[in-house]
Amino acid sequence: MRIDYVKLTPVAIPDKPLLNCKGVHQPYALRTVIEIFCDDGTVGIGESYGSIKALEGLREAAPALVGLDPFHLNELKARILKALPNGGGINAKTAVADHKVTDVVYSAFEVPCLDIQGKAVGRPVVDLLGGPLRQEVPFSAYLFFKFAGHFGEDADDWGEVMSPDAMVGQARRFVSEHGFVSLKLKGGVLEPDLEIETMIKLREAFPHHPLRIDPNGGWTVETAIYIARKLEGILEYLEDPVIGMDAMAQVAAATSIPLATNMVVLEFDQIAEAVRKNAVKIVLSDHHYWGGMRASTHLAKLCETFDLGLSMHSNSHLGITLAAMTHVAAATPNLTYACDTHYPWTGVDIIEGAPFRFEDGSLTVPDKPGLGVSIDQEKLGKFAALYEVAGVSERNDTAYMQQFDPTYERRVPRW
């Protein structure tokens, strides 16, 4: 079995006007769907970022996969490093963290190779990662402050959420529709006392649900310490309240709330500094930028070694990514917190059959060979066509926010 050719399909998927410390989500999120075709007819599928640099990296490296045995993942990594000697990051300047293009590209191709391997041996991908330690993977509701609708459009079915009481309403809908038993708020949007009030009201409404908030580094050290002290006993963890390892260490020293991160620990060589400075207690994995699904299980072992908690990061994504996340999470012994997911916000998918459905906030691990999902080519074509006319090639939350408020400026930290 050898790889015959690789097909990359950029897609645009509808998104909601969700707010964060950098601005607001544009009408479309971008993804790249990957199909790897082997000479025996086996096809492996994957999903990755759709930003310009990620797409360029994928396109530049794809020809190097031709002739590769899809079981030889070490050679896959070597070929990608050779094809992308300049490496570099993939994110736009408006992002607050960056990821190595070689890690992103490797992980994007590793997933379909593992899908191929699973199909070849008749086993789900989780078995290739050591086997499932849980059949049900818990996920957290991802709550966002949001505008009523996109610029110049009518309100969407979620409506405006710009107050603590409205956020409680959003949370009730998530819990009612999906059964989530953990709640995460994207913070750094409203002024700090309002976000404190929001978390307190969520605790009152959901006394037994673990709560977490993530302002994406949108607070100063002083603000973060102030908020942490107000929310002692309410949060299960506080994610990336500030930017930078030293700033995180300052906040960590001032609160008993564990600090989590997917912004200051993004690569393996950053773990030692985080442990030495006692800057974080929880790391969020993500196979897209940690170097793949197998690397994510390696990260779990290091977290166990250094007594760090482990959760899983999410971005706007489709069902192929959700399947991959679920396989990784199922094979991770020390998954100590429910995983993030944007999937309920997406509302569309390209997989065949019905979309994933959460039961009591969890997903059952797919048990079919490979990832356990397949592509509906008609749906894929629809969102590929949308990519061509959407007029979006890079995420820029700040520029889109300026359509709502021309005086808006990107400031991180903002509060």
Protein backbone atom coordinates (compact mmCIF):
# COMPACT_ATOMS: atom_id res chain seq x y z
CA MET A 1 0.00 0.00 0.00
CA ARG A 2 1.35 3.38 -1.04
CA ILE A 3 -0.08 6.91 -1.21
CA ASP A 4 -1.12 7.72 -4.76
CA TYR A 5 -2.26 11.32 -4.42
CA VAL A 6 -3.59 13.90 -1.96
CA LYS A 7 -6.67 16.09 -2.40
CA LEU A 8 -7.06 19.31 -0.40
CA THR A 9 -10.41 21.09 -0.34
CA PRO A 10 -10.71 24.45 1.44
CA VAL A 11 -14.22 25.07 2.75
CA ALA A 12 -16.10 27.93 4.37
CA ILE A 13 -18.68 27.08 7.02
CA PRO A 14 -21.23 29.49 8.52
CA ASP A 15 -20.27 30.92 11.90
CA LYS A 16 -22.07 33.00 14.49
CA PRO A 17 -21.03 36.53 15.64
CA LEU A 18 -19.27 35.21 18.74
CA LEU A 19 -17.24 37.74 20.74
CA ASN A 20 -13.74 37.47 22.20
CA CYS A 21 -11.04 39.85 23.38
CA LYS A 22 -9.88 40.48 19.80
CA GLY A 23 -13.26 41.19 18.25
CA VAL A 24 -16.01 39.03 16.78
CA HIS A 25 -16.21 35.94 14.57
CA GLN A 26 -16.76 36.62 10.89
CA PRO A 27 -19.74 35.10 9.04
CA TYR A 28 -17.58 32.18 7.90
CA ALA A 29 -14.95 29.96 9.49
CA LEU A 30 -12.35 28.33 7.25
CA ARG A 31 -11.25 24.69 7.24
CA THR A 32 -9.31 22.42 4.89
CA VAL A 33 -10.61 18.91 4.22
CA ILE A 34 -7.93 16.36 3.37
CA GLU A 35 -8.36 13.15 1.38
CA ILE A 36 -5.41 10.78 0.90
CA PHE A 37 -5.89 8.17 -1.83
CA CYS A 38 -3.84 4.95 -1.79
CA ASP A 39 -2.97 2.73 -4.75
CA ASP A 40 -5.19 -0.07 -3.41
CA GLY A 41 -8.26 2.19 -3.31
CA THR A 42 -8.19 2.97 0.42
CA VAL A 43 -8.99 6.60 1.23
CA GLY A 44 -8.10 8.37 4.47
CA ILE A 45 -9.69 11.65 5.52
CA GLY A 46 -8.71 14.55 7.77
CA GLU A 47 -9.52 18.15 8.58
CA SER A 48 -7.32 21.10 9.49
CA TYR A 49 -7.10 24.88 9.49
CA GLY A 50 -8.12 26.90 6.46
CA SER A 51 -5.94 29.98 6.98
CA ILE A 52 -3.66 31.14 4.19
CA LYS A 53 -0.39 29.95 5.74
CA ALA A 54 -1.83 26.59 6.78
CA LEU A 55 -3.30 26.00 3.33
CA GLU A 56 -0.06 27.02 1.63
CA GLY A 57 1.90 24.65 3.86
CA LEU A 58 -0.47 21.79 3.12
CA ARG A 59 -0.28 22.43 -0.62
CA GLU A 60 3.50 22.69 -0.59
CA ALA A 61 3.98 19.47 1.37
CA ALA A 62 1.27 17.32 -0.25
CA PRO A 63 3.35 16.18 -3.27
CA ALA A 64 5.99 14.80 -0.89
CA LEU A 65 3.50 12.19 0.35
CA VAL A 66 3.24 10.40 -3.00
CA GLY A 67 4.73 6.91 -2.73
CA LEU A 68 4.77 6.92 1.08
CA ASP A 69 3.60 3.88 3.04
CA PRO A 70 0.82 5.38 5.22
CA PHE A 71 2.02 3.24 8.15
CA HIS A 72 5.43 4.98 8.08
CA LEU A 73 4.61 8.07 10.11
CA ASN A 74 8.23 8.77 11.02
CA GLU A 75 9.02 9.06 7.33
CA LEU A 76 5.94 11.25 6.90
CA LYS A 77 7.41 13.67 9.44
CA ALA A 78 10.81 13.60 7.71
CA ARG A 79 9.28 14.32 4.32
CA ILE A 80 7.27 17.25 5.67
CA LEU A 81 10.31 18.77 7.39
CA LYS A 82 12.22 18.52 4.11
CA ALA A 83 9.34 19.99 2.10
CA LEU A 84 8.92 22.93 4.52
CA PRO A 85 12.46 23.92 5.51
CA ASN A 86 11.47 27.43 6.55
CA GLY A 87 8.87 26.27 9.07
CA GLY A 88 7.36 29.36 10.65
CA GLY A 89 3.94 30.02 12.14
CA ILE A 90 0.55 29.74 10.48
CA ASN A 91 -1.51 32.35 12.28
CA ALA A 92 -2.43 35.82 11.11
CA LYS A 93 -1.03 38.87 12.91
CA THR A 94 -4.37 39.37 14.65
CA ALA A 95 -3.96 36.10 16.58
CA VAL A 96 -2.57 36.05 20.12
CA ALA A 97 -0.68 32.77 19.74
CA ASP A 98 1.00 30.95 16.88
CA HIS A 99 1.69 27.37 15.82
CA LYS A 100 4.55 25.84 13.82
CA VAL A 101 3.52 25.17 10.25
CA THR A 102 5.42 21.87 10.26
CA ASP A 103 3.49 20.63 13.30
CA VAL A 104 0.19 21.74 11.78
CA VAL A 105 0.93 20.13 8.41
CA TYR A 106 2.20 16.90 9.93
CA SER A 107 -0.86 16.54 12.14
CA ALA A 108 -3.15 17.33 9.20
CA PHE A 109 -1.68 14.40 7.24
CA GLU A 110 -1.18 12.07 10.21
CA VAL A 111 -4.94 11.88 10.84
CA PRO A 112 -5.85 10.53 7.36
CA CYS A 113 -2.86 8.16 7.53
CA LEU A 114 -4.18 6.77 10.81
CA ASP A 115 -7.63 6.58 9.22
CA ILE A 116 -6.07 4.49 6.43
CA GLN A 117 -4.24 2.29 8.93
CA GLY A 118 -7.44 1.64 10.85
CA LYS A 119 -9.32 0.73 7.69
CA ALA A 120 -6.48 -1.56 6.59
CA VAL A 121 -6.51 -3.57 9.82
CA GLY A 122 -10.24 -3.25 10.51
CA ARG A 123 -9.81 -1.33 13.79
CA PRO A 124 -10.88 2.12 15.01
CA VAL A 125 -8.13 4.72 15.37
CA VAL A 126 -8.42 4.62 19.16
CA ASP A 127 -7.02 1.07 19.02
CA LEU A 128 -3.96 2.36 17.16
CA LEU A 129 -3.40 4.81 20.04
CA GLY A 130 -3.38 2.06 22.65
CA GLY A 131 -7.07 1.31 22.98
CA PRO A 132 -9.99 3.07 24.68
CA LEU A 133 -9.90 3.87 28.38
CA ARG A 134 -13.43 5.25 28.19
CA GLN A 135 -16.28 4.64 25.78
CA GLU A 136 -17.89 8.00 26.47
CA VAL A 137 -15.84 11.21 26.13
CA PRO A 138 -17.11 14.24 28.13
CA PHE A 139 -17.28 17.66 26.49
CA SER A 140 -17.98 21.11 27.89
CA ALA A 141 -20.50 23.66 26.68
CA TYR A 142 -18.67 26.59 25.08
CA LEU A 143 -20.47 29.80 26.00
CA PHE A 144 -19.94 33.08 24.13
CA PHE A 145 -21.15 36.61 24.46
CA LYS A 146 -22.50 37.42 21.02
CA PHE A 147 -24.23 39.96 18.85
CA ALA A 148 -27.81 39.28 17.75
CA GLY A 149 -26.77 38.68 14.15
CA HIS A 150 -24.04 39.36 11.64
CA PHE A 151 -23.48 42.90 10.40
CA GLY A 152 -26.47 44.06 8.38
CA GLU A 153 -28.40 40.83 9.01
CA ASP A 154 -31.38 39.86 11.15
CA ALA A 155 -30.92 38.16 14.50
CA ASP A 156 -29.98 34.48 14.40
CA ASP A 157 -31.77 31.84 16.45
CA TRP A 158 -29.46 32.40 19.45
CA GLY A 159 -30.10 36.14 19.58
CA GLU A 160 -28.07 38.72 21.46
CA VAL A 161 -26.15 37.63 24.56
CA MET A 162 -24.50 40.69 26.12
CA SER A 163 -25.41 40.44 29.80
CA PRO A 164 -25.01 37.99 32.69
CA ASP A 165 -28.71 37.06 32.64
CA ALA A 166 -28.67 36.45 28.89
CA MET A 167 -25.62 34.21 29.32
CA VAL A 168 -27.46 32.11 31.87
CA GLY A 169 -30.18 31.68 29.25
CA GLN A 170 -27.63 30.55 26.67
CA ALA A 171 -26.20 28.06 29.15
CA ARG A 172 -29.65 26.67 29.91
CA ARG A 173 -30.20 26.02 26.20
CA PHE A 174 -26.83 24.23 25.88
CA VAL A 175 -27.58 22.05 28.87
CA SER A 176 -31.13 21.34 27.71
CA GLU A 177 -30.16 20.45 24.14
CA HIS A 178 -26.88 18.64 24.72
CA GLY A 179 -26.82 17.65 28.38
CA PHE A 180 -23.48 19.33 29.08
CA VAL A 181 -22.35 18.97 32.67
CA SER A 182 -19.41 21.39 32.39
CA LEU A 183 -19.61 25.04 31.26
CA LYS A 184 -16.87 27.23 29.77
CA LEU A 185 -17.22 30.96 29.08
CA LYS A 186 -15.18 32.90 26.54
CA GLY A 187 -14.28 35.97 28.58
CA GLY A 188 -12.30 39.15 28.07
CA VAL A 189 -15.31 40.70 26.34
CA LEU A 190 -17.33 42.64 28.94
CA GLU A 191 -15.83 44.76 31.69
CA PRO A 192 -14.45 42.57 34.51
CA ASP A 193 -17.17 43.05 37.11
CA LEU A 194 -19.82 41.99 34.60
CA GLU A 195 -17.90 38.82 33.81
CA ILE A 196 -17.53 38.15 37.54
CA GLU A 197 -21.29 38.60 37.88
CA THR A 198 -21.81 36.24 34.94
CA MET A 199 -19.81 33.46 36.56
CA ILE A 200 -21.58 33.95 39.89
CA LYS A 201 -24.98 33.77 38.21
CA LEU A 202 -23.93 30.66 36.30
CA ARG A 203 -22.91 29.09 39.59
CA GLU A 204 -26.29 29.98 41.10
CA ALA A 205 -28.14 28.53 38.10
CA PHE A 206 -25.91 25.44 37.84
CA PRO A 207 -24.68 24.64 41.35
CA HIS A 208 -23.14 21.31 40.38
CA HIS A 209 -21.62 22.11 36.97
CA PRO A 210 -17.86 22.72 36.86
CA LEU A 211 -17.26 26.26 35.55
CA ARG A 212 -14.30 27.74 33.70
CA ILE A 213 -13.56 31.04 31.94
CA ASP A 214 -11.04 31.85 29.20
CA PRO A 215 -10.31 35.52 28.33
CA ASN A 216 -7.47 34.61 25.90
CA GLY A 217 -4.98 36.80 27.74
CA GLY A 218 -7.39 39.71 27.71
CA TRP A 219 -6.64 40.82 31.28
CA THR A 220 -3.68 42.50 32.94
CA VAL A 221 -2.04 40.71 35.85
CA GLU A 222 -3.78 43.06 38.29
CA THR A 223 -7.20 42.48 36.73
CA ALA A 224 -6.67 38.73 36.59
CA ILE A 225 -5.78 38.58 40.29
CA TYR A 226 -8.78 40.74 41.16
CA ILE A 227 -11.13 38.46 39.19
CA ALA A 228 -9.55 35.28 40.53
CA ARG A 229 -10.02 36.41 44.12
CA LYS A 230 -13.68 37.18 43.44
CA LEU A 231 -14.20 33.75 41.89
CA GLU A 232 -12.40 31.60 44.46
CA GLY A 233 -14.52 28.53 45.08
CA ILE A 234 -16.52 29.07 41.90
CA LEU A 235 -14.15 28.11 39.07
CA GLU A 236 -12.71 24.66 38.40
CA TYR A 237 -9.97 26.47 36.46
CA LEU A 238 -9.02 29.82 34.96
CA GLU A 239 -7.66 29.60 31.43
CA ASP A 240 -5.05 32.01 30.03
CA PRO A 241 -6.07 35.07 32.05
CA VAL A 242 -2.87 36.86 30.96
CA ILE A 243 -0.25 36.65 28.21
CA GLY A 244 3.21 35.25 28.86
CA MET A 245 4.76 32.67 31.16
CA ASP A 246 5.98 35.13 33.78
CA ALA A 247 2.62 36.89 33.95
CA MET A 248 0.86 33.54 34.34
CA ALA A 249 3.24 32.67 37.18
CA GLN A 250 2.37 35.94 38.95
CA VAL A 251 -1.34 35.19 38.78
CA ALA A 252 -0.84 31.56 39.78
CA ALA A 253 1.02 32.65 42.92
CA ALA A 254 -1.90 34.87 43.95
CA THR A 255 -4.79 32.42 43.68
CA SER A 256 -5.71 28.87 44.60
CA ILE A 257 -7.64 28.49 41.33
CA PRO A 258 -5.65 26.28 38.92
CA LEU A 259 -4.49 28.07 35.78
CA ALA A 260 -4.93 26.33 32.42
CA THR A 261 -3.36 27.23 29.09
CA ASN A 262 -3.36 26.74 25.38
CA MET A 263 -1.45 29.99 24.78
CA VAL A 264 1.76 29.85 26.82
CA VAL A 265 2.39 26.10 26.55
CA LEU A 266 1.97 25.21 22.89
CA GLU A 267 5.01 23.00 22.33
CA PHE A 268 6.88 20.32 24.25
CA ASP A 269 9.92 22.47 24.97
CA GLN A 270 7.72 24.98 26.84
CA ILE A 271 6.58 22.47 29.46
CA ALA A 272 9.80 22.58 31.49
CA GLU A 273 9.65 26.36 31.92
CA ALA A 274 5.98 26.21 32.90
CA VAL A 275 6.72 23.61 35.57
CA ARG A 276 9.81 25.43 36.83
CA LYS A 277 7.90 28.71 37.20
CA ASN A 278 4.73 27.03 38.50
CA ALA A 279 2.87 29.02 35.85
CA VAL A 280 0.15 26.49 34.96
CA LYS A 281 -1.57 23.45 36.42
CA ILE A 282 -3.53 22.33 33.35
CA VAL A 283 -2.49 22.02 29.70
CA LEU A 284 -5.00 21.93 26.85
CA SER A 285 -4.00 19.52 24.13
CA ASP A 286 -4.98 19.89 20.48
CA HIS A 287 -3.77 17.40 17.88
CA HIS A 288 -3.82 20.10 15.18
CA TYR A 289 -0.84 21.98 16.62
CA TRP A 290 0.76 19.63 19.17
CA GLY A 291 2.02 17.51 16.28
CA GLY A 292 -0.76 15.00 15.79
CA MET A 293 -2.83 12.41 17.57
CA ARG A 294 0.08 10.30 18.76
CA ALA A 295 1.91 13.39 20.02
CA SER A 296 -1.19 14.30 22.01
CA THR A 297 -0.94 11.00 23.88
CA HIS A 298 2.75 11.75 24.51
CA LEU A 299 1.73 15.13 25.94
CA ALA A 300 -0.64 13.30 28.28
CA LYS A 301 2.24 11.22 29.62
CA LEU A 302 4.34 14.32 30.30
CA CYS A 303 1.42 15.96 32.07
CA GLU A 304 1.09 12.87 34.23
CA THR A 305 4.82 12.96 34.97
CA PHE A 306 4.73 16.59 36.10
CA ASP A 307 1.37 16.31 37.90
CA LEU A 308 -0.38 18.61 35.43
CA GLY A 309 -4.06 18.34 34.59
CA LEU A 310 -5.15 17.80 31.00
CA SER A 311 -8.06 19.03 28.91
CA MET A 312 -8.53 19.59 25.16
CA HIS A 313 -8.68 22.81 23.16
CA SER A 314 -11.13 23.48 20.33
CA ASN A 315 -11.58 25.83 17.42
CA SER A 316 -14.43 26.11 14.92
CA HIS A 317 -14.51 22.66 13.32
CA LEU A 318 -16.46 19.96 11.53
CA GLY A 319 -17.18 16.33 12.33
CA ILE A 320 -13.89 14.89 11.05
CA THR A 321 -12.01 16.89 13.66
CA LEU A 322 -14.57 15.98 16.32
CA ALA A 323 -14.10 12.29 15.53
CA ALA A 324 -10.31 12.65 15.79
CA MET A 325 -10.62 14.54 19.09
CA THR A 326 -12.86 11.81 20.47
CA HIS A 327 -10.44 9.02 19.54
CA VAL A 328 -7.53 10.87 21.19
CA ALA A 329 -9.52 11.66 24.32
CA ALA A 330 -10.70 8.07 24.63
CA ALA A 331 -7.09 6.84 24.56
CA THR A 332 -5.83 9.37 27.11
CA PRO A 333 -5.64 7.90 30.63
CA ASN A 334 -5.36 11.22 32.46
CA LEU A 335 -8.02 13.30 30.71
CA THR A 336 -8.85 15.13 33.91
CA TYR A 337 -11.30 17.70 32.52
CA ALA A 338 -14.05 17.71 29.91
CA CYS A 339 -12.92 18.67 26.40
CA ASP A 340 -13.79 21.93 24.67
CA THR A 341 -15.78 21.88 21.44
CA HIS A 342 -17.26 24.51 19.11
CA TYR A 343 -19.30 21.83 17.30
CA PRO A 344 -22.76 22.87 18.59
CA TRP A 345 -22.13 26.36 17.22
CA THR A 346 -21.24 25.07 13.75
CA GLY A 347 -24.67 23.75 12.84
CA VAL A 348 -23.49 22.09 9.60
CA ASP A 349 -21.23 19.20 8.66
CA ILE A 350 -19.73 17.38 5.68
CA ILE A 351 -19.86 13.86 7.11
CA GLU A 352 -22.27 11.29 5.78
CA GLY A 353 -25.40 10.64 7.78
CA ALA A 354 -26.58 12.53 10.83
CA PRO A 355 -24.22 14.94 12.64
CA PHE A 356 -22.70 13.97 15.96
CA ARG A 357 -25.11 14.17 18.87
CA PHE A 358 -24.07 14.72 22.46
CA GLU A 359 -25.75 12.59 25.12
CA ASP A 360 -25.37 13.91 28.66
CA GLY A 361 -22.60 16.13 27.31
CA SER A 362 -20.58 13.18 26.00
CA LEU A 363 -19.86 11.41 22.71
CA THR A 364 -19.58 7.68 22.19
CA VAL A 365 -16.24 6.70 20.66
CA PRO A 366 -16.75 5.68 16.99
CA ASP A 367 -16.21 1.93 16.66
CA LYS A 368 -15.99 1.56 12.88
CA PRO A 369 -12.56 1.07 11.23
CA GLY A 370 -10.46 4.24 11.03
CA LEU A 371 -12.00 7.48 12.27
CA GLY A 372 -15.45 5.98 11.85
CA VAL A 373 -16.78 8.82 9.67
CA SER A 374 -16.87 9.42 5.93
CA ILE A 375 -17.33 12.45 3.68
CA ASP A 376 -20.60 13.33 1.98
CA GLN A 377 -19.20 14.61 -1.30
CA GLU A 378 -22.29 16.67 -2.09
CA LYS A 379 -22.00 18.51 1.22
CA LEU A 380 -18.26 18.96 0.71
CA GLY A 381 -18.89 20.48 -2.71
CA LYS A 382 -21.44 22.88 -1.24
CA PHE A 383 -19.03 24.31 1.32
CA ALA A 384 -16.12 24.31 -1.14
CA ALA A 385 -18.28 26.47 -3.44
CA LEU A 386 -19.08 28.72 -0.49
CA TYR A 387 -15.34 29.17 0.12
CA GLU A 388 -14.96 30.50 -3.42
CA VAL A 389 -17.61 33.21 -2.96
CA ALA A 390 -17.33 33.98 0.78
CA GLY A 391 -14.62 36.59 0.29
CA VAL A 392 -12.71 35.38 3.38
CA SER A 393 -9.22 33.94 3.20
CA GLU A 394 -7.95 34.70 6.70
CA ARG A 395 -9.55 35.07 10.09
CA ASN A 396 -9.61 38.66 11.33
CA ASP A 397 -11.95 39.18 14.29
CA THR A 398 -10.73 42.74 14.82
CA ALA A 399 -11.42 43.97 11.28
CA TYR A 400 -14.91 42.47 11.39
CA MET A 401 -15.61 44.07 14.77
CA GLN A 402 -14.77 47.45 13.24
CA GLN A 403 -17.77 47.05 10.93
CA PHE A 404 -19.96 47.07 14.04
CA ASP A 405 -17.87 49.71 15.84
CA PRO A 406 -15.46 51.78 13.68
CA THR A 407 -13.71 53.05 16.83
CA TYR A 408 -12.82 49.55 18.04
CA GLU A 409 -9.11 48.90 18.54
CA ARG A 410 -7.34 45.61 19.11
CA ARG A 411 -5.84 45.66 22.61
CA VAL A 412 -4.56 42.55 24.33
CA PRO A 413 -4.78 42.86 27.27
CA ARG A 414 -7.98 44.86 27.03
CA TRP A 415 -8.95 45.10 30.72
